[in-house]
PDB file of all heavy atoms in Angstrom:
ATOM      1  N   SER A   1      11.710 -18.498 -24.580  1.00  0.00           N
ATOM      2  CA  SER A   1      11.002 -18.395 -25.855  1.00  0.00           C
ATOM      3  C   SER A   1      11.559 -19.385 -26.866  1.00  0.00           C
ATOM      4  O   SER A   1      12.713 -19.817 -26.784  1.00  0.00           O
ATOM      5  CB  SER A   1      11.123 -16.978 -26.420  1.00  0.00           C
ATOM      6  OG  SER A   1      12.489 -16.653 -26.669  1.00  0.00           O
ATOM      7  N   SER A   2      10.717 -19.739 -27.847  1.00  0.00           N
ATOM      8  CA  SER A   2      11.139 -20.575 -28.967  1.00  0.00           C
ATOM      9  C   SER A   2      10.268 -20.226 -30.158  1.00  0.00           C
ATOM     10  O   SER A   2       9.345 -19.423 -30.059  1.00  0.00           O
ATOM     11  CB  SER A   2      10.995 -22.062 -28.630  1.00  0.00           C
ATOM     12  OG  SER A   2       9.657 -22.487 -28.812  1.00  0.00           O
ATOM     13  N   THR A   3      10.547 -20.866 -31.297  1.00  0.00           N
ATOM     14  CA  THR A   3       9.728 -20.638 -32.488  1.00  0.00           C
ATOM     15  C   THR A   3       8.595 -21.647 -32.587  1.00  0.00           C
ATOM     16  O   THR A   3       7.924 -21.725 -33.609  1.00  0.00           O
ATOM     17  CB  THR A   3      10.593 -20.723 -33.761  1.00  0.00           C
ATOM     18  OG1 THR A   3      11.263 -21.996 -33.787  1.00  0.00           O
ATOM     19  CG2 THR A   3      11.626 -19.616 -33.788  1.00  0.00           C
ATOM     20  N   GLY A   4       8.368 -22.430 -31.540  1.00  0.00           N
ATOM     21  CA  GLY A   4       7.260 -23.369 -31.534  1.00  0.00           C
ATOM     22  C   GLY A   4       7.610 -24.648 -30.803  1.00  0.00           C
ATOM     23  O   GLY A   4       8.768 -24.878 -30.435  1.00  0.00           O
ATOM     24  N   TYR A   5       6.600 -25.463 -30.576  1.00  0.00           N
ATOM     25  CA  TYR A   5       6.810 -26.725 -29.878  1.00  0.00           C
ATOM     26  C   TYR A   5       7.765 -27.633 -30.655  1.00  0.00           C
ATOM     27  O   TYR A   5       7.620 -27.827 -31.857  1.00  0.00           O
ATOM     28  CB  TYR A   5       5.474 -27.437 -29.663  1.00  0.00           C
ATOM     29  CG  TYR A   5       4.613 -26.772 -28.616  1.00  0.00           C
ATOM     30  CD1 TYR A   5       3.514 -25.995 -28.979  1.00  0.00           C
ATOM     31  CD2 TYR A   5       4.927 -26.888 -27.256  1.00  0.00           C
ATOM     32  CE1 TYR A   5       2.733 -25.365 -28.016  1.00  0.00           C
ATOM     33  CE2 TYR A   5       4.150 -26.256 -26.290  1.00  0.00           C
ATOM     34  CZ  TYR A   5       3.061 -25.505 -26.673  1.00  0.00           C
ATOM     35  OH  TYR A   5       2.298 -24.879 -25.721  1.00  0.00           O
ATOM     36  N   PHE A   6       8.761 -28.145 -29.949  1.00  0.00           N
ATOM     37  CA  PHE A   6       9.777 -29.057 -30.465  1.00  0.00           C
ATOM     38  C   PHE A   6      10.688 -28.404 -31.493  1.00  0.00           C
ATOM     39  O   PHE A   6      11.400 -29.100 -32.217  1.00  0.00           O
ATOM     40  CB  PHE A   6       9.129 -30.328 -31.027  1.00  0.00           C
ATOM     41  CG  PHE A   6       8.332 -31.088 -29.995  1.00  0.00           C
ATOM     42  CD1 PHE A   6       6.944 -31.059 -30.007  1.00  0.00           C
ATOM     43  CD2 PHE A   6       8.977 -31.791 -28.990  1.00  0.00           C
ATOM     44  CE1 PHE A   6       6.210 -31.738 -29.039  1.00  0.00           C
ATOM     45  CE2 PHE A   6       8.246 -32.472 -28.020  1.00  0.00           C
ATOM     46  CZ  PHE A   6       6.872 -32.447 -28.041  1.00  0.00           C
ATOM     47  N   ALA A   7      10.697 -27.068 -31.561  1.00  0.00           N
ATOM     48  CA  ALA A   7      11.681 -26.355 -32.366  1.00  0.00           C
ATOM     49  C   ALA A   7      13.022 -26.399 -31.635  1.00  0.00           C
ATOM     50  O   ALA A   7      13.129 -26.867 -30.499  1.00  0.00           O
ATOM     51  CB  ALA A   7      11.228 -24.918 -32.600  1.00  0.00           C
ATOM     52  N   ASN A   8      14.075 -25.888 -32.301  1.00  0.00           N
ATOM     53  CA  ASN A   8      15.422 -26.010 -31.737  1.00  0.00           C
ATOM     54  C   ASN A   8      15.542 -25.421 -30.336  1.00  0.00           C
ATOM     55  O   ASN A   8      16.111 -26.049 -29.431  1.00  0.00           O
ATOM     56  CB  ASN A   8      16.438 -25.355 -32.675  1.00  0.00           C
ATOM     57  CG  ASN A   8      16.652 -26.162 -33.939  1.00  0.00           C
ATOM     58  OD1 ASN A   8      16.731 -27.381 -33.900  1.00  0.00           O
ATOM     59  ND2 ASN A   8      16.747 -25.486 -35.074  1.00  0.00           N
ATOM     60  N   ALA A   9      15.020 -24.218 -30.123  1.00  0.00           N
ATOM     61  CA  ALA A   9      15.127 -23.592 -28.805  1.00  0.00           C
ATOM     62  C   ALA A   9      14.333 -24.372 -27.760  1.00  0.00           C
ATOM     63  O   ALA A   9      14.770 -24.505 -26.607  1.00  0.00           O
ATOM     64  CB  ALA A   9      14.657 -22.138 -28.855  1.00  0.00           C
ATOM     65  N   HIS A  10      13.181 -24.900 -28.145  1.00  0.00           N
ATOM     66  CA  HIS A  10      12.361 -25.664 -27.203  1.00  0.00           C
ATOM     67  C   HIS A  10      13.117 -26.898 -26.720  1.00  0.00           C
ATOM     68  O   HIS A  10      13.248 -27.144 -25.512  1.00  0.00           O
ATOM     69  CB  HIS A  10      11.052 -26.075 -27.872  1.00  0.00           C
ATOM     70  CG  HIS A  10      10.084 -26.749 -26.945  1.00  0.00           C
ATOM     71  ND1 HIS A  10       9.044 -27.529 -27.404  1.00  0.00           N
ATOM     72  CD2 HIS A  10       9.996 -26.786 -25.593  1.00  0.00           C
ATOM     73  CE1 HIS A  10       8.362 -27.997 -26.376  1.00  0.00           C
ATOM     74  NE2 HIS A  10       8.921 -27.571 -25.262  1.00  0.00           N
ATOM     75  N   VAL A  11      13.648 -27.678 -27.649  1.00  0.00           N
ATOM     76  CA  VAL A  11      14.354 -28.910 -27.284  1.00  0.00           C
ATOM     77  C   VAL A  11      15.674 -28.599 -26.589  1.00  0.00           C
ATOM     78  O   VAL A  11      16.044 -29.246 -25.599  1.00  0.00           O
ATOM     79  CB  VAL A  11      14.583 -29.791 -28.523  1.00  0.00           C
ATOM     80  CG1 VAL A  11      15.336 -31.068 -28.150  1.00  0.00           C
ATOM     81  CG2 VAL A  11      13.253 -30.143 -29.180  1.00  0.00           C
ATOM     82  N   GLY A  12      16.392 -27.583 -27.089  1.00  0.00           N
ATOM     83  CA  GLY A  12      17.677 -27.234 -26.493  1.00  0.00           C
ATOM     84  C   GLY A  12      17.561 -26.779 -25.045  1.00  0.00           C
ATOM     85  O   GLY A  12      18.299 -27.239 -24.166  1.00  0.00           O
ATOM     86  N   VAL A  13      16.608 -25.881 -24.768  1.00  0.00           N
ATOM     87  CA  VAL A  13      16.443 -25.371 -23.404  1.00  0.00           C
ATOM     88  C   VAL A  13      15.832 -26.436 -22.507  1.00  0.00           C
ATOM     89  O   VAL A  13      16.210 -26.574 -21.331  1.00  0.00           O
ATOM     90  CB  VAL A  13      15.600 -24.077 -23.388  1.00  0.00           C
ATOM     91  CG1 VAL A  13      15.398 -23.595 -21.952  1.00  0.00           C
ATOM     92  CG2 VAL A  13      16.280 -22.985 -24.205  1.00  0.00           C
ATOM     93  N   ASP A  14      14.905 -27.215 -23.038  1.00  0.00           N
ATOM     94  CA  ASP A  14      14.313 -28.275 -22.219  1.00  0.00           C
ATOM     95  C   ASP A  14      15.355 -29.324 -21.848  1.00  0.00           C
ATOM     96  O   ASP A  14      15.340 -29.879 -20.742  1.00  0.00           O
ATOM     97  CB  ASP A  14      13.146 -28.934 -22.949  1.00  0.00           C
ATOM     98  CG  ASP A  14      12.240 -29.714 -22.000  1.00  0.00           C
ATOM     99  OD1 ASP A  14      12.576 -30.860 -21.670  1.00  0.00           O
ATOM    100  OD2 ASP A  14      11.211 -29.154 -21.565  1.00  0.00           O
ATOM    101  N   GLY A  15      16.298 -29.597 -22.771  1.00  0.00           N
ATOM    102  CA  GLY A  15      17.378 -30.517 -22.455  1.00  0.00           C
ATOM    103  C   GLY A  15      18.237 -30.002 -21.312  1.00  0.00           C
ATOM    104  O   GLY A  15      18.651 -30.773 -20.425  1.00  0.00           O
ATOM    105  N   PHE A  16      18.504 -28.705 -21.304  1.00  0.00           N
ATOM    106  CA  PHE A  16      19.227 -28.079 -20.195  1.00  0.00           C
ATOM    107  C   PHE A  16      18.432 -28.198 -18.903  1.00  0.00           C
ATOM    108  O   PHE A  16      18.987 -28.544 -17.839  1.00  0.00           O
ATOM    109  CB  PHE A  16      19.505 -26.610 -20.521  1.00  0.00           C
ATOM    110  CG  PHE A  16      19.667 -25.716 -19.330  1.00  0.00           C
ATOM    111  CD1 PHE A  16      20.684 -25.921 -18.404  1.00  0.00           C
ATOM    112  CD2 PHE A  16      18.778 -24.668 -19.108  1.00  0.00           C
ATOM    113  CE1 PHE A  16      20.826 -25.102 -17.291  1.00  0.00           C
ATOM    114  CE2 PHE A  16      18.911 -23.838 -18.009  1.00  0.00           C
ATOM    115  CZ  PHE A  16      19.933 -24.062 -17.088  1.00  0.00           C
ATOM    116  N   ALA A  17      17.118 -27.953 -18.969  1.00  0.00           N
ATOM    117  CA  ALA A  17      16.275 -28.050 -17.772  1.00  0.00           C
ATOM    118  C   ALA A  17      16.277 -29.473 -17.215  1.00  0.00           C
ATOM    119  O   ALA A  17      16.321 -29.675 -15.988  1.00  0.00           O
ATOM    120  CB  ALA A  17      14.849 -27.607 -18.101  1.00  0.00           C
ATOM    121  N   GLN A  18      16.252 -30.452 -18.108  1.00  0.00           N
ATOM    122  CA  GLN A  18      16.308 -31.850 -17.659  1.00  0.00           C
ATOM    123  C   GLN A  18      17.626 -32.125 -16.937  1.00  0.00           C
ATOM    124  O   GLN A  18      17.650 -32.777 -15.884  1.00  0.00           O
ATOM    125  CB  GLN A  18      16.152 -32.793 -18.847  1.00  0.00           C
ATOM    126  CG  GLN A  18      14.756 -32.793 -19.471  1.00  0.00           C
ATOM    127  CD  GLN A  18      14.679 -33.698 -20.684  1.00  0.00           C
ATOM    128  OE1 GLN A  18      15.411 -34.678 -20.801  1.00  0.00           O
ATOM    129  NE2 GLN A  18      13.780 -33.376 -21.618  1.00  0.00           N
ATOM    130  N   ALA A  19      18.724 -31.635 -17.504  1.00  0.00           N
ATOM    131  CA  ALA A  19      20.031 -31.863 -16.895  1.00  0.00           C
ATOM    132  C   ALA A  19      20.155 -31.164 -15.546  1.00  0.00           C
ATOM    133  O   ALA A  19      20.834 -31.665 -14.638  1.00  0.00           O
ATOM    134  CB  ALA A  19      21.134 -31.376 -17.835  1.00  0.00           C
ATOM    135  N   ALA A  20      19.507 -29.996 -15.411  1.00  0.00           N
ATOM    136  CA  ALA A  20      19.584 -29.223 -14.166  1.00  0.00           C
ATOM    137  C   ALA A  20      18.539 -29.655 -13.148  1.00  0.00           C
ATOM    138  O   ALA A  20      18.598 -29.231 -11.982  1.00  0.00           O
ATOM    139  CB  ALA A  20      19.413 -27.732 -14.479  1.00  0.00           C
ATOM    140  N   GLY A  21      17.572 -30.468 -13.569  1.00  0.00           N
ATOM    141  CA  GLY A  21      16.516 -30.898 -12.667  1.00  0.00           C
ATOM    142  C   GLY A  21      15.567 -29.777 -12.287  1.00  0.00           C
ATOM    143  O   GLY A  21      15.116 -29.686 -11.144  1.00  0.00           O
ATOM    144  N   ILE A  22      15.242 -28.919 -13.258  1.00  0.00           N
ATOM    145  CA  ILE A  22      14.359 -27.781 -12.986  1.00  0.00           C
ATOM    146  C   ILE A  22      13.191 -27.780 -13.963  1.00  0.00           C
ATOM    147  O   ILE A  22      13.219 -28.449 -14.997  1.00  0.00           O
ATOM    148  CB  ILE A  22      15.109 -26.431 -13.088  1.00  0.00           C
ATOM    149  CG1 ILE A  22      15.768 -26.282 -14.471  1.00  0.00           C
ATOM    150  CG2 ILE A  22      16.132 -26.315 -11.975  1.00  0.00           C
ATOM    151  CD1 ILE A  22      16.464 -24.953 -14.693  1.00  0.00           C
ATOM    152  N   GLN A  23      12.177 -27.019 -13.634  1.00  0.00           N
ATOM    153  CA  GLN A  23      10.999 -26.862 -14.497  1.00  0.00           C
ATOM    154  C   GLN A  23      10.938 -25.420 -14.972  1.00  0.00           C
ATOM    155  O   GLN A  23      10.879 -24.486 -14.164  1.00  0.00           O
ATOM    156  CB  GLN A  23       9.725 -27.221 -13.727  1.00  0.00           C
ATOM    157  CG  GLN A  23       8.455 -27.074 -14.552  1.00  0.00           C
ATOM    158  CD  GLN A  23       7.194 -27.364 -13.737  1.00  0.00           C
ATOM    159  OE1 GLN A  23       7.249 -28.088 -12.743  1.00  0.00           O
ATOM    160  NE2 GLN A  23       6.077 -26.783 -14.149  1.00  0.00           N
ATOM    161  N   LEU A  24      10.945 -25.229 -16.299  1.00  0.00           N
ATOM    162  CA  LEU A  24      10.875 -23.896 -16.886  1.00  0.00           C
ATOM    163  C   LEU A  24       9.546 -23.724 -17.627  1.00  0.00           C
ATOM    164  O   LEU A  24       8.887 -24.695 -17.972  1.00  0.00           O
ATOM    165  CB  LEU A  24      12.044 -23.687 -17.861  1.00  0.00           C
ATOM    166  CG  LEU A  24      13.450 -23.881 -17.299  1.00  0.00           C
ATOM    167  CD1 LEU A  24      14.486 -23.705 -18.414  1.00  0.00           C
ATOM    168  CD2 LEU A  24      13.721 -22.899 -16.160  1.00  0.00           C
ATOM    169  N   LEU A  25       9.186 -22.463 -17.879  1.00  0.00           N
ATOM    170  CA  LEU A  25       7.951 -22.149 -18.597  1.00  0.00           C
ATOM    171  C   LEU A  25       8.268 -21.873 -20.056  1.00  0.00           C
ATOM    172  O   LEU A  25       8.991 -20.933 -20.383  1.00  0.00           O
ATOM    173  CB  LEU A  25       7.271 -20.923 -17.974  1.00  0.00           C
ATOM    174  CG  LEU A  25       6.018 -20.401 -18.686  1.00  0.00           C
ATOM    175  CD1 LEU A  25       4.902 -21.451 -18.661  1.00  0.00           C
ATOM    176  CD2 LEU A  25       5.551 -19.096 -18.056  1.00  0.00           C
ATOM    177  N   HIS A  26       7.730 -22.689 -20.957  1.00  0.00           N
ATOM    178  CA  HIS A  26       7.959 -22.540 -22.396  1.00  0.00           C
ATOM    179  C   HIS A  26       6.939 -21.573 -22.988  1.00  0.00           C
ATOM    180  O   HIS A  26       5.733 -21.740 -22.807  1.00  0.00           O
ATOM    181  CB  HIS A  26       7.850 -23.908 -23.075  1.00  0.00           C
ATOM    182  CG  HIS A  26       7.961 -23.844 -24.568  1.00  0.00           C
ATOM    183  ND1 HIS A  26       7.156 -24.580 -25.418  1.00  0.00           N
ATOM    184  CD2 HIS A  26       8.789 -23.131 -25.371  1.00  0.00           C
ATOM    185  CE1 HIS A  26       7.481 -24.335 -26.671  1.00  0.00           C
ATOM    186  NE2 HIS A  26       8.470 -23.446 -26.670  1.00  0.00           N
ATOM    187  N   VAL A  27       7.429 -20.563 -23.720  1.00  0.00           N
ATOM    188  CA  VAL A  27       6.568 -19.577 -24.373  1.00  0.00           C
ATOM    189  C   VAL A  27       6.876 -19.584 -25.867  1.00  0.00           C
ATOM    190  O   VAL A  27       7.870 -19.004 -26.309  1.00  0.00           O
ATOM    191  CB  VAL A  27       6.782 -18.165 -23.799  1.00  0.00           C
ATOM    192  CG1 VAL A  27       5.801 -17.182 -24.438  1.00  0.00           C
ATOM    193  CG2 VAL A  27       6.654 -18.158 -22.283  1.00  0.00           C
ATOM    194  N   PRO A  28       6.064 -20.271 -26.680  1.00  0.00           N
ATOM    195  CA  PRO A  28       6.340 -20.337 -28.124  1.00  0.00           C
ATOM    196  C   PRO A  28       5.894 -19.083 -28.859  1.00  0.00           C
ATOM    197  O   PRO A  28       4.874 -18.479 -28.526  1.00  0.00           O
ATOM    198  CB  PRO A  28       5.519 -21.552 -28.572  1.00  0.00           C
ATOM    199  CG  PRO A  28       4.400 -21.636 -27.591  1.00  0.00           C
ATOM    200  CD  PRO A  28       4.931 -21.120 -26.278  1.00  0.00           C
ATOM    201  N   TYR A  29       6.683 -18.697 -29.864  1.00  0.00           N
ATOM    202  CA  TYR A  29       6.363 -17.568 -30.743  1.00  0.00           C
ATOM    203  C   TYR A  29       6.297 -18.083 -32.181  1.00  0.00           C
ATOM    204  O   TYR A  29       6.732 -19.198 -32.472  1.00  0.00           O
ATOM    205  CB  TYR A  29       7.413 -16.459 -30.628  1.00  0.00           C
ATOM    206  CG  TYR A  29       7.331 -15.683 -29.329  1.00  0.00           C
ATOM    207  CD1 TYR A  29       7.865 -16.208 -28.147  1.00  0.00           C
ATOM    208  CD2 TYR A  29       6.720 -14.439 -29.283  1.00  0.00           C
ATOM    209  CE1 TYR A  29       7.783 -15.500 -26.947  1.00  0.00           C
ATOM    210  CE2 TYR A  29       6.634 -13.715 -28.090  1.00  0.00           C
ATOM    211  CZ  TYR A  29       7.168 -14.261 -26.931  1.00  0.00           C
ATOM    212  OH  TYR A  29       7.080 -13.561 -25.750  1.00  0.00           O
ATOM    213  N   GLN A  30       5.788 -17.260 -33.083  1.00  0.00           N
ATOM    214  CA  GLN A  30       5.602 -17.703 -34.461  1.00  0.00           C
ATOM    215  C   GLN A  30       6.855 -17.583 -35.310  1.00  0.00           C
ATOM    216  O   GLN A  30       6.937 -18.203 -36.372  1.00  0.00           O
ATOM    217  CB  GLN A  30       4.464 -16.920 -35.116  1.00  0.00           C
ATOM    218  CG  GLN A  30       3.088 -17.263 -34.536  1.00  0.00           C
ATOM    219  CD  GLN A  30       1.962 -16.583 -35.297  1.00  0.00           C
ATOM    220  OE1 GLN A  30       2.199 -15.624 -36.030  1.00  0.00           O
ATOM    221  NE2 GLN A  30       0.753 -17.075 -35.134  1.00  0.00           N
ATOM    222  N   GLY A  31       7.827 -16.815 -34.875  1.00  0.00           N
ATOM    223  CA  GLY A  31       9.035 -16.636 -35.679  1.00  0.00           C
ATOM    224  C   GLY A  31      10.269 -16.432 -34.830  1.00  0.00           C
ATOM    225  O   GLY A  31      10.181 -16.095 -33.637  1.00  0.00           O
ATOM    226  N   GLY A  32      11.438 -16.635 -35.459  1.00  0.00           N
ATOM    227  CA  GLY A  32      12.691 -16.505 -34.743  1.00  0.00           C
ATOM    228  C   GLY A  32      12.954 -15.091 -34.235  1.00  0.00           C
ATOM    229  O   GLY A  32      13.446 -14.912 -33.114  1.00  0.00           O
ATOM    230  N   SER A  33      12.627 -14.088 -35.040  1.00  0.00           N
ATOM    231  CA  SER A  33      12.874 -12.713 -34.617  1.00  0.00           C
ATOM    232  C   SER A  33      12.009 -12.347 -33.417  1.00  0.00           C
ATOM    233  O   SER A  33      12.453 -11.663 -32.491  1.00  0.00           O
ATOM    234  CB  SER A  33      12.608 -11.739 -35.774  1.00  0.00           C
ATOM    235  OG  SER A  33      11.264 -11.847 -36.222  1.00  0.00           O
ATOM    236  N   GLN A  34      10.758 -12.837 -33.401  1.00  0.00           N
ATOM    237  CA  GLN A  34       9.874 -12.568 -32.266  1.00  0.00           C
ATOM    238  C   GLN A  34      10.398 -13.230 -30.995  1.00  0.00           C
ATOM    239  O   GLN A  34      10.368 -12.638 -29.913  1.00  0.00           O
ATOM    240  CB  GLN A  34       8.463 -13.080 -32.571  1.00  0.00           C
ATOM    241  CG  GLN A  34       7.739 -12.310 -33.660  1.00  0.00           C
ATOM    242  CD  GLN A  34       6.412 -12.964 -34.016  1.00  0.00           C
ATOM    243  OE1 GLN A  34       6.353 -14.137 -34.343  1.00  0.00           O
ATOM    244  NE2 GLN A  34       5.346 -12.193 -33.953  1.00  0.00           N
ATOM    245  N   ALA A  35      10.877 -14.459 -31.136  1.00  0.00           N
ATOM    246  CA  ALA A  35      11.401 -15.175 -29.975  1.00  0.00           C
ATOM    247  C   ALA A  35      12.625 -14.477 -29.398  1.00  0.00           C
ATOM    248  O   ALA A  35      12.783 -14.377 -28.174  1.00  0.00           O
ATOM    249  CB  ALA A  35      11.740 -16.614 -30.364  1.00  0.00           C
ATOM    250  N   LEU A  36      13.483 -13.964 -30.271  1.00  0.00           N
ATOM    251  CA  LEU A  36      14.689 -13.274 -29.804  1.00  0.00           C
ATOM    252  C   LEU A  36      14.359 -11.920 -29.189  1.00  0.00           C
ATOM    253  O   LEU A  36      14.934 -11.534 -28.170  1.00  0.00           O
ATOM    254  CB  LEU A  36      15.662 -13.092 -30.974  1.00  0.00           C
ATOM    255  CG  LEU A  36      16.359 -14.370 -31.450  1.00  0.00           C
ATOM    256  CD1 LEU A  36      17.119 -14.105 -32.741  1.00  0.00           C
ATOM    257  CD2 LEU A  36      17.302 -14.891 -30.378  1.00  0.00           C
ATOM    258  N   MET A  37      13.437 -11.201 -29.812  1.00  0.00           N
ATOM    259  CA  MET A  37      13.064  -9.893 -29.274  1.00  0.00           C
ATOM    260  C   MET A  37      12.363 -10.037 -27.924  1.00  0.00           C
ATOM    261  O   MET A  37      12.424  -9.134 -27.087  1.00  0.00           O
ATOM    262  CB  MET A  37      12.167  -9.150 -30.258  1.00  0.00           C
ATOM    263  CG  MET A  37      12.881  -8.703 -31.525  1.00  0.00           C
ATOM    264  SD  MET A  37      14.448  -7.812 -31.215  1.00  0.00           S
ATOM    265  CE  MET A  37      13.841  -6.383 -30.310  1.00  0.00           C
ATOM    266  N   ALA A  38      11.715 -11.181 -27.690  1.00  0.00           N
ATOM    267  CA  ALA A  38      11.046 -11.409 -26.409  1.00  0.00           C
ATOM    268  C   ALA A  38      12.063 -11.456 -25.270  1.00  0.00           C
ATOM    269  O   ALA A  38      11.831 -10.886 -24.196  1.00  0.00           O
ATOM    270  CB  ALA A  38      10.238 -12.705 -26.453  1.00  0.00           C
ATOM    271  N   VAL A  39      13.192 -12.128 -25.489  1.00  0.00           N
ATOM    272  CA  VAL A  39      14.210 -12.175 -24.435  1.00  0.00           C
ATOM    273  C   VAL A  39      14.969 -10.851 -24.370  1.00  0.00           C
ATOM    274  O   VAL A  39      15.324 -10.375 -23.286  1.00  0.00           O
ATOM    275  CB  VAL A  39      15.170 -13.381 -24.628  1.00  0.00           C
ATOM    276  CG1 VAL A  39      16.049 -13.218 -25.863  1.00  0.00           C
ATOM    277  CG2 VAL A  39      16.033 -13.579 -23.389  1.00  0.00           C
ATOM    278  N   ALA A  40      15.191 -10.220 -25.528  1.00  0.00           N
ATOM    279  CA  ALA A  40      15.881  -8.923 -25.531  1.00  0.00           C
ATOM    280  C   ALA A  40      15.049  -7.856 -24.827  1.00  0.00           C
ATOM    281  O   ALA A  40      15.589  -6.961 -24.172  1.00  0.00           O
ATOM    282  CB  ALA A  40      16.174  -8.490 -26.965  1.00  0.00           C
ATOM    283  N   GLY A  41      13.712  -7.962 -24.955  1.00  0.00           N
ATOM    284  CA  GLY A  41      12.832  -6.985 -24.320  1.00  0.00           C
ATOM    285  C   GLY A  41      12.427  -7.340 -22.910  1.00  0.00           C
ATOM    286  O   GLY A  41      11.697  -6.591 -22.262  1.00  0.00           O
ATOM    287  N   GLY A  42      12.876  -8.503 -22.423  1.00  0.00           N
ATOM    288  CA  GLY A  42      12.568  -8.896 -21.053  1.00  0.00           C
ATOM    289  C   GLY A  42      11.203  -9.522 -20.864  1.00  0.00           C
ATOM    290  O   GLY A  42      10.788  -9.745 -19.733  1.00  0.00           O
ATOM    291  N   GLN A  43      10.499  -9.854 -21.964  1.00  0.00           N
ATOM    292  CA  GLN A  43       9.204 -10.528 -21.819  1.00  0.00           C
ATOM    293  C   GLN A  43       9.385 -11.974 -21.343  1.00  0.00           C
ATOM    294  O   GLN A  43       8.505 -12.553 -20.721  1.00  0.00           O
ATOM    295  CB  GLN A  43       8.427 -10.529 -23.143  1.00  0.00           C
ATOM    296  CG  GLN A  43       7.795  -9.202 -23.484  1.00  0.00           C
ATOM    297  CD  GLN A  43       8.781  -8.232 -24.105  1.00  0.00           C
ATOM    298  OE1 GLN A  43       9.605  -8.630 -24.925  1.00  0.00           O
ATOM    299  NE2 GLN A  43       8.723  -6.968 -23.722  1.00  0.00           N
ATOM    300  N   VAL A  44      10.517 -12.589 -21.717  1.00  0.00           N
ATOM    301  CA  VAL A  44      10.880 -13.916 -21.217  1.00  0.00           C
ATOM    302  C   VAL A  44      12.302 -13.833 -20.678  1.00  0.00           C
ATOM    303  O   VAL A  44      13.027 -12.864 -20.928  1.00  0.00           O
ATOM    304  CB  VAL A  44      10.786 -14.997 -22.318  1.00  0.00           C
ATOM    305  CG1 VAL A  44       9.361 -15.148 -22.823  1.00  0.00           C
ATOM    306  CG2 VAL A  44      11.742 -14.710 -23.458  1.00  0.00           C
TER     307      VAL A  44
END
């Protein structure tokens, strides 16, 4: 999850994926709390 395209989480995790040579699924949310609750709740 992230707060949108090219937001900090999007670029940070994509940079990790590039370094690991893997493809991940990006799921953008409208706010930081929503993005965090998505991983806390297991949606991502």
